[in-house]
Amino acid sequence: MKRNLALFLFLIAFIGLVAQAKDKKHASLPDAFLSAHTVFIESRDGDITDLKLDPEDRTAILDMQDAIQDWGRYTLSRSRRDADLILVLHKGRVVRDQSSTANLPGPHPSTSHTPIQDPADASQSPGNNGSPDGLTHEKDELRVYTIQPDGKLKGPIWRDDLERGLNIPHILLLQRLKLEVEKAYPAAPANKQSNP
């Protein structure tokens, strides 16, 4: 009898937890995405008005602005302070792996140590990262922040990175964000106007 009562109480508690989880269906994204109306887009190195901004980041900002307008859920803000959401992006660049600079031709200081692995097995080489020339391609990044009254960024409340994720025409990082926002906070259907 006690065993059945314990099982019954466990089932009631489990059903209560499932019901609470259904009520919190938006837990994956903060409410800021629902209440937001405006966004400001900048690079992690500065905004579009910065003359020193990398041309690739400048182009990515312009492409993102166009894509936000096409989405239609949010409008663009002219200033960071007046925006509800701040989208901070970074266009990945090709960088030289610091560990592979020792493999470049030229004079290098000699080291006298015994290799740990078989020198004939290149797959064990510590500098082997899949790029024989020592170059690594950074991933594109997109971060979403809110802004505090003192002008400082708060968050990120959403982030993702993807190789070539800011490339047009699809801007896959924005597509990922859009998918999550629309799933968590579906847009209300447009009211149909009846003709008298």
C-alpha atoms as a PDB file:
ATOM      1  CA  MET A   1       0.000   0.000   0.000  1.00  0.00           C
ATOM      2  CA  LYS A   2       2.798   2.402   0.929  1.00  0.00           C
ATOM      3  CA  ARG A   3       4.556   1.493  -2.286  1.00  0.00           C
ATOM      4  CA  ASN A   4       1.486   2.414  -4.373  1.00  0.00           C
ATOM      5  CA  LEU A   5       1.060   5.666  -2.455  1.00  0.00           C
ATOM      6  CA  ALA A   6       4.723   6.592  -3.079  1.00  0.00           C
ATOM      7  CA  LEU A   7       4.346   5.794  -6.776  1.00  0.00           C
ATOM      8  CA  PHE A   8       1.141   7.833  -6.948  1.00  0.00           C
ATOM      9  CA  LEU A   9       2.809  10.849  -5.278  1.00  0.00           C
ATOM     10  CA  PHE A  10       5.782  10.544  -7.626  1.00  0.00           C
ATOM     11  CA  LEU A  11       3.481  10.554 -10.672  1.00  0.00           C
ATOM     12  CA  ILE A  12       1.634  13.639  -9.414  1.00  0.00           C
ATOM     13  CA  ALA A  13       4.938  15.458  -8.843  1.00  0.00           C
ATOM     14  CA  PHE A  14       6.175  14.432 -12.312  1.00  0.00           C
ATOM     15  CA  ILE A  15       2.976  15.663 -13.993  1.00  0.00           C
ATOM     16  CA  GLY A  16       3.315  18.965 -12.112  1.00  0.00           C
ATOM     17  CA  LEU A  17       6.898  19.395 -13.371  1.00  0.00           C
ATOM     18  CA  VAL A  18       5.840  18.658 -16.951  1.00  0.00           C
ATOM     19  CA  ALA A  19       3.057  21.251 -16.679  1.00  0.00           C
ATOM     20  CA  GLN A  20       5.529  23.845 -15.363  1.00  0.00           C
ATOM     21  CA  ALA A  21       7.921  23.075 -18.217  1.00  0.00           C
ATOM     22  CA  LYS A  22       5.144  23.699 -20.741  1.00  0.00           C
ATOM     23  CA  ASP A  23       4.429  27.073 -19.108  1.00  0.00           C
ATOM     24  CA  LYS A  24       8.104  27.980 -19.483  1.00  0.00           C
ATOM     25  CA  LYS A  25       8.303  27.197 -23.204  1.00  0.00           C
ATOM     26  CA  HIS A  26      10.203  30.439 -23.845  1.00  0.00           C
ATOM     27  CA  ALA A  27      13.016  29.594 -21.426  1.00  0.00           C
ATOM     28  CA  SER A  28      15.441  29.094 -24.328  1.00  0.00           C
ATOM     29  CA  LEU A  29      15.428  32.828 -25.134  1.00  0.00           C
ATOM     30  CA  PRO A  30      15.051  35.806 -22.807  1.00  0.00           C
ATOM     31  CA  ASP A  31      11.919  37.975 -22.955  1.00  0.00           C
ATOM     32  CA  ALA A  32      14.074  40.777 -24.386  1.00  0.00           C
ATOM     33  CA  PHE A  33      13.542  39.257 -27.827  1.00  0.00           C
ATOM     34  CA  LEU A  34       9.769  39.493 -27.377  1.00  0.00           C
ATOM     35  CA  SER A  35       9.667  43.044 -26.044  1.00  0.00           C
ATOM     36  CA  ALA A  36      12.350  44.450 -28.381  1.00  0.00           C
ATOM     37  CA  HIS A  37      11.403  46.739 -31.243  1.00  0.00           C
ATOM     38  CA  THR A  38      14.757  48.145 -32.393  1.00  0.00           C
ATOM     39  CA  VAL A  39      18.254  46.792 -32.987  1.00  0.00           C
ATOM     40  CA  PHE A  40      21.645  48.387 -33.472  1.00  0.00           C
ATOM     41  CA  ILE A  41      24.358  46.506 -35.343  1.00  0.00           C
ATOM     42  CA  GLU A  42      28.068  46.946 -34.762  1.00  0.00           C
ATOM     43  CA  SER A  43      31.312  45.027 -35.010  1.00  0.00           C
ATOM     44  CA  ARG A  44      33.197  43.921 -31.933  1.00  0.00           C
ATOM     45  CA  ASP A  45      35.866  46.392 -33.110  1.00  0.00           C
ATOM     46  CA  GLY A  46      33.506  49.394 -33.432  1.00  0.00           C
ATOM     47  CA  ASP A  47      30.464  50.699 -35.229  1.00  0.00           C
ATOM     48  CA  ILE A  48      30.081  51.525 -38.904  1.00  0.00           C
ATOM     49  CA  THR A  49      31.107  55.170 -38.389  1.00  0.00           C
ATOM     50  CA  ASP A  50      34.581  54.143 -37.151  1.00  0.00           C
ATOM     51  CA  LEU A  51      37.008  54.965 -39.960  1.00  0.00           C
ATOM     52  CA  LYS A  52      39.448  52.297 -38.732  1.00  0.00           C
ATOM     53  CA  LEU A  53      36.855  49.523 -38.960  1.00  0.00           C
ATOM     54  CA  ASP A  54      37.933  46.525 -41.014  1.00  0.00           C
ATOM     55  CA  PRO A  55      36.274  46.635 -44.468  1.00  0.00           C
ATOM     56  CA  GLU A  56      34.986  43.059 -44.067  1.00  0.00           C
ATOM     57  CA  ASP A  57      33.261  43.974 -40.798  1.00  0.00           C
ATOM     58  CA  ARG A  58      31.815  47.121 -42.404  1.00  0.00           C
ATOM     59  CA  THR A  59      30.372  45.049 -45.248  1.00  0.00           C
ATOM     60  CA  ALA A  60      29.009  42.470 -42.781  1.00  0.00           C
ATOM     61  CA  ILE A  61      27.249  45.253 -40.827  1.00  0.00           C
ATOM     62  CA  LEU A  62      25.626  46.592 -44.004  1.00  0.00           C
ATOM     63  CA  ASP A  63      24.553  43.086 -45.051  1.00  0.00           C
ATOM     64  CA  MET A  64      23.117  42.429 -41.579  1.00  0.00           C
ATOM     65  CA  GLN A  65      21.187  45.718 -41.659  1.00  0.00           C
ATOM     66  CA  ASP A  66      19.599  44.703 -44.964  1.00  0.00           C
ATOM     67  CA  ALA A  67      18.732  41.257 -43.599  1.00  0.00           C
ATOM     68  CA  ILE A  68      17.149  42.717 -40.436  1.00  0.00           C
ATOM     69  CA  GLN A  69      14.983  44.980 -42.588  1.00  0.00           C
ATOM     70  CA  ASP A  70      13.977  42.006 -44.752  1.00  0.00           C
ATOM     71  CA  TRP A  71      13.063  40.035 -41.604  1.00  0.00           C
ATOM     72  CA  GLY A  72      10.699  42.809 -40.563  1.00  0.00           C
ATOM     73  CA  ARG A  73      10.405  41.838 -36.892  1.00  0.00           C
ATOM     74  CA  TYR A  74      12.697  44.615 -35.665  1.00  0.00           C
ATOM     75  CA  THR A  75      13.584  48.049 -36.999  1.00  0.00           C
ATOM     76  CA  LEU A  76      17.061  49.526 -37.141  1.00  0.00           C
ATOM     77  CA  SER A  77      18.088  52.077 -34.552  1.00  0.00           C
ATOM     78  CA  ARG A  78      20.359  54.962 -35.477  1.00  0.00           C
ATOM     79  CA  SER A  79      22.059  54.919 -32.095  1.00  0.00           C
ATOM     80  CA  ARG A  80      23.247  52.216 -29.780  1.00  0.00           C
ATOM     81  CA  ARG A  81      21.742  53.925 -26.722  1.00  0.00           C
ATOM     82  CA  ASP A  82      18.212  53.911 -28.164  1.00  0.00           C
ATOM     83  CA  ALA A  83      18.248  50.276 -29.285  1.00  0.00           C
ATOM     84  CA  ASP A  84      16.529  47.427 -27.460  1.00  0.00           C
ATOM     85  CA  LEU A  85      18.984  44.829 -28.779  1.00  0.00           C
ATOM     86  CA  ILE A  86      22.612  45.245 -29.838  1.00  0.00           C
ATOM     87  CA  LEU A  87      23.900  42.800 -32.456  1.00  0.00           C
ATOM     88  CA  VAL A  88      27.688  42.550 -32.323  1.00  0.00           C
ATOM     89  CA  LEU A  89      29.328  40.688 -35.167  1.00  0.00           C
ATOM     90  CA  HIS A  90      32.806  39.706 -36.185  1.00  0.00           C
ATOM     91  CA  LYS A  91      33.835  38.527 -39.613  1.00  0.00           C
ATOM     92  CA  GLY A  92      36.312  35.670 -39.308  1.00  0.00           C
ATOM     93  CA  ARG A  93      39.733  36.252 -40.732  1.00  0.00           C
ATOM     94  CA  VAL A  94      42.580  34.044 -41.854  1.00  0.00           C
ATOM     95  CA  VAL A  95      45.238  34.091 -39.147  1.00  0.00           C
ATOM     96  CA  ARG A  96      48.587  32.422 -38.820  1.00  0.00           C
ATOM     97  CA  ASP A  97      48.690  29.739 -36.156  1.00  0.00           C
ATOM     98  CA  GLN A  98      51.412  30.820 -33.709  1.00  0.00           C
ATOM     99  CA  SER A  99      52.490  27.241 -33.058  1.00  0.00           C
ATOM    100  CA  SER A 100      53.180  26.708 -36.751  1.00  0.00           C
ATOM    101  CA  THR A 101      55.530  29.688 -37.181  1.00  0.00           C
ATOM    102  CA  ALA A 102      58.352  27.446 -36.026  1.00  0.00           C
ATOM    103  CA  ASN A 103      57.811  25.359 -39.161  1.00  0.00           C
ATOM    104  CA  LEU A 104      58.380  28.294 -41.506  1.00  0.00           C
ATOM    105  CA  PRO A 105      61.618  28.469 -43.505  1.00  0.00           C
ATOM    106  CA  GLY A 106      64.355  30.624 -42.105  1.00  0.00           C
ATOM    107  CA  PRO A 107      66.749  30.687 -39.171  1.00  0.00           C
ATOM    108  CA  HIS A 108      65.400  29.299 -35.915  1.00  0.00           C
ATOM    109  CA  PRO A 109      67.188  28.734 -32.647  1.00  0.00           C
ATOM    110  CA  SER A 110      68.311  25.153 -32.293  1.00  0.00           C
ATOM    111  CA  THR A 111      66.819  23.018 -29.563  1.00  0.00           C
ATOM    112  CA  SER A 112      68.420  19.831 -28.372  1.00  0.00           C
ATOM    113  CA  HIS A 113      65.680  17.497 -27.270  1.00  0.00           C
ATOM    114  CA  THR A 114      64.504  14.074 -28.202  1.00  0.00           C
ATOM    115  CA  PRO A 115      61.152  14.017 -30.013  1.00  0.00           C
ATOM    116  CA  ILE A 116      58.369  12.265 -28.121  1.00  0.00           C
ATOM    117  CA  GLN A 117      56.758  10.822 -31.253  1.00  0.00           C
ATOM    118  CA  ASP A 118      58.056   9.129 -34.356  1.00  0.00           C
ATOM    119  CA  PRO A 119      59.394  11.936 -36.624  1.00  0.00           C
ATOM    120  CA  ALA A 120      58.304   9.989 -39.703  1.00  0.00           C
ATOM    121  CA  ASP A 121      54.647  10.177 -38.582  1.00  0.00           C
ATOM    122  CA  ALA A 122      53.436  13.650 -39.590  1.00  0.00           C
ATOM    123  CA  SER A 123      49.992  13.022 -38.081  1.00  0.00           C
ATOM    124  CA  GLN A 124      51.568  13.220 -34.623  1.00  0.00           C
ATOM    125  CA  SER A 125      53.175  16.575 -35.260  1.00  0.00           C
ATOM    126  CA  PRO A 126      52.152  19.111 -32.592  1.00  0.00           C
ATOM    127  CA  GLY A 127      51.763  21.842 -35.211  1.00  0.00           C
ATOM    128  CA  ASN A 128      49.498  19.756 -37.420  1.00  0.00           C
ATOM    129  CA  ASN A 129      46.054  21.417 -37.214  1.00  0.00           C
ATOM    130  CA  GLY A 130      44.825  20.358 -40.627  1.00  0.00           C
ATOM    131  CA  SER A 131      46.437  23.311 -42.385  1.00  0.00           C
ATOM    132  CA  PRO A 132      49.881  22.594 -43.848  1.00  0.00           C
ATOM    133  CA  ASP A 133      50.602  26.301 -44.375  1.00  0.00           C
ATOM    134  CA  GLY A 134      49.870  27.156 -40.727  1.00  0.00           C
ATOM    135  CA  LEU A 135      46.876  29.359 -41.533  1.00  0.00           C
ATOM    136  CA  THR A 136      43.620  29.059 -39.619  1.00  0.00           C
ATOM    137  CA  HIS A 137      40.282  30.503 -40.660  1.00  0.00           C
ATOM    138  CA  GLU A 138      38.385  32.057 -37.722  1.00  0.00           C
ATOM    139  CA  LYS A 139      34.648  31.508 -37.538  1.00  0.00           C
ATOM    140  CA  ASP A 140      32.222  34.379 -38.042  1.00  0.00           C
ATOM    141  CA  GLU A 141      30.533  35.422 -34.793  1.00  0.00           C
ATOM    142  CA  LEU A 142      27.193  36.967 -33.852  1.00  0.00           C
ATOM    143  CA  ARG A 143      26.384  38.051 -30.296  1.00  0.00           C
ATOM    144  CA  VAL A 144      23.187  39.724 -29.072  1.00  0.00           C
ATOM    145  CA  TYR A 145      23.237  42.052 -26.062  1.00  0.00           C
ATOM    146  CA  THR A 146      20.891  44.388 -24.255  1.00  0.00           C
ATOM    147  CA  ILE A 147      22.077  47.767 -23.070  1.00  0.00           C
ATOM    148  CA  GLN A 148      22.146  49.029 -19.495  1.00  0.00           C
ATOM    149  CA  PRO A 149      21.123  52.572 -18.530  1.00  0.00           C
ATOM    150  CA  ASP A 150      24.823  53.503 -18.166  1.00  0.00           C
ATOM    151  CA  GLY A 151      25.411  52.524 -21.827  1.00  0.00           C
ATOM    152  CA  LYS A 152      27.294  49.298 -21.096  1.00  0.00           C
ATOM    153  CA  LEU A 153      26.373  46.076 -22.845  1.00  0.00           C
ATOM    154  CA  LYS A 154      24.679  43.341 -20.842  1.00  0.00           C
ATOM    155  CA  GLY A 155      25.009  39.740 -21.927  1.00  0.00           C
ATOM    156  CA  PRO A 156      25.375  38.221 -24.408  1.00  0.00           C
ATOM    157  CA  ILE A 157      21.827  36.932 -24.255  1.00  0.00           C
ATOM    158  CA  TRP A 158      22.403  34.900 -27.433  1.00  0.00           C
ATOM    159  CA  ARG A 159      25.552  33.882 -29.279  1.00  0.00           C
ATOM    160  CA  ASP A 160      26.689  31.652 -32.064  1.00  0.00           C
ATOM    161  CA  ASP A 161      29.613  31.244 -34.430  1.00  0.00           C
ATOM    162  CA  LEU A 162      29.934  29.524 -37.743  1.00  0.00           C
ATOM    163  CA  GLU A 163      32.491  29.410 -40.506  1.00  0.00           C
ATOM    164  CA  ARG A 164      31.315  31.892 -43.160  1.00  0.00           C
ATOM    165  CA  GLY A 165      28.135  32.437 -41.129  1.00  0.00           C
ATOM    166  CA  LEU A 166      27.928  36.125 -42.106  1.00  0.00           C
ATOM    167  CA  ASN A 167      28.238  35.552 -45.845  1.00  0.00           C
ATOM    168  CA  ILE A 168      25.428  36.680 -48.105  1.00  0.00           C
ATOM    169  CA  PRO A 169      22.951  35.824 -49.462  1.00  0.00           C
ATOM    170  CA  HIS A 170      21.778  33.693 -46.511  1.00  0.00           C
ATOM    171  CA  ILE A 171      23.661  35.077 -43.469  1.00  0.00           C
ATOM    172  CA  LEU A 172      23.286  31.746 -41.694  1.00  0.00           C
ATOM    173  CA  LEU A 173      23.995  33.142 -38.220  1.00  0.00           C
ATOM    174  CA  LEU A 174      21.011  35.486 -38.533  1.00  0.00           C
ATOM    175  CA  GLN A 175      18.921  32.609 -39.884  1.00  0.00           C
ATOM    176  CA  ARG A 176      19.739  30.606 -36.748  1.00  0.00           C
ATOM    177  CA  LEU A 177      18.768  33.538 -34.519  1.00  0.00           C
ATOM    178  CA  LYS A 178      15.599  34.151 -36.496  1.00  0.00           C
ATOM    179  CA  LEU A 179      14.589  30.496 -36.228  1.00  0.00           C
ATOM    180  CA  GLU A 180      15.017  30.496 -32.446  1.00  0.00           C
ATOM    181  CA  VAL A 181      13.192  33.810 -31.971  1.00  0.00           C
ATOM    182  CA  GLU A 182      10.269  32.806 -34.188  1.00  0.00           C
ATOM    183  CA  LYS A 183      10.015  29.432 -32.442  1.00  0.00           C
ATOM    184  CA  ALA A 184      10.042  30.936 -28.937  1.00  0.00           C
ATOM    185  CA  TYR A 185       7.948  34.016 -29.760  1.00  0.00           C
ATOM    186  CA  PRO A 186       5.852  33.430 -32.884  1.00  0.00           C
ATOM    187  CA  ALA A 187       4.737  36.621 -34.557  1.00  0.00           C
ATOM    188  CA  ALA A 188       1.019  37.295 -34.216  1.00  0.00           C
ATOM    189  CA  PRO A 189      -0.854  36.717 -37.470  1.00  0.00           C
ATOM    190  CA  ALA A 190      -1.793  39.884 -39.319  1.00  0.00           C
ATOM    191  CA  ASN A 191      -5.406  40.946 -38.835  1.00  0.00           C
ATOM    192  CA  LYS A 192      -7.433  40.545 -41.978  1.00  0.00           C
ATOM    193  CA  GLN A 193      -9.499  43.606 -42.768  1.00  0.00           C
ATOM    194  CA  SER A 194     -13.027  42.866 -43.856  1.00  0.00           C
ATOM    195  CA  ASN A 195     -14.457  44.847 -46.738  1.00  0.00           C
ATOM    196  CA  PRO A 196     -17.996  46.181 -46.036  1.00  0.00           C
END
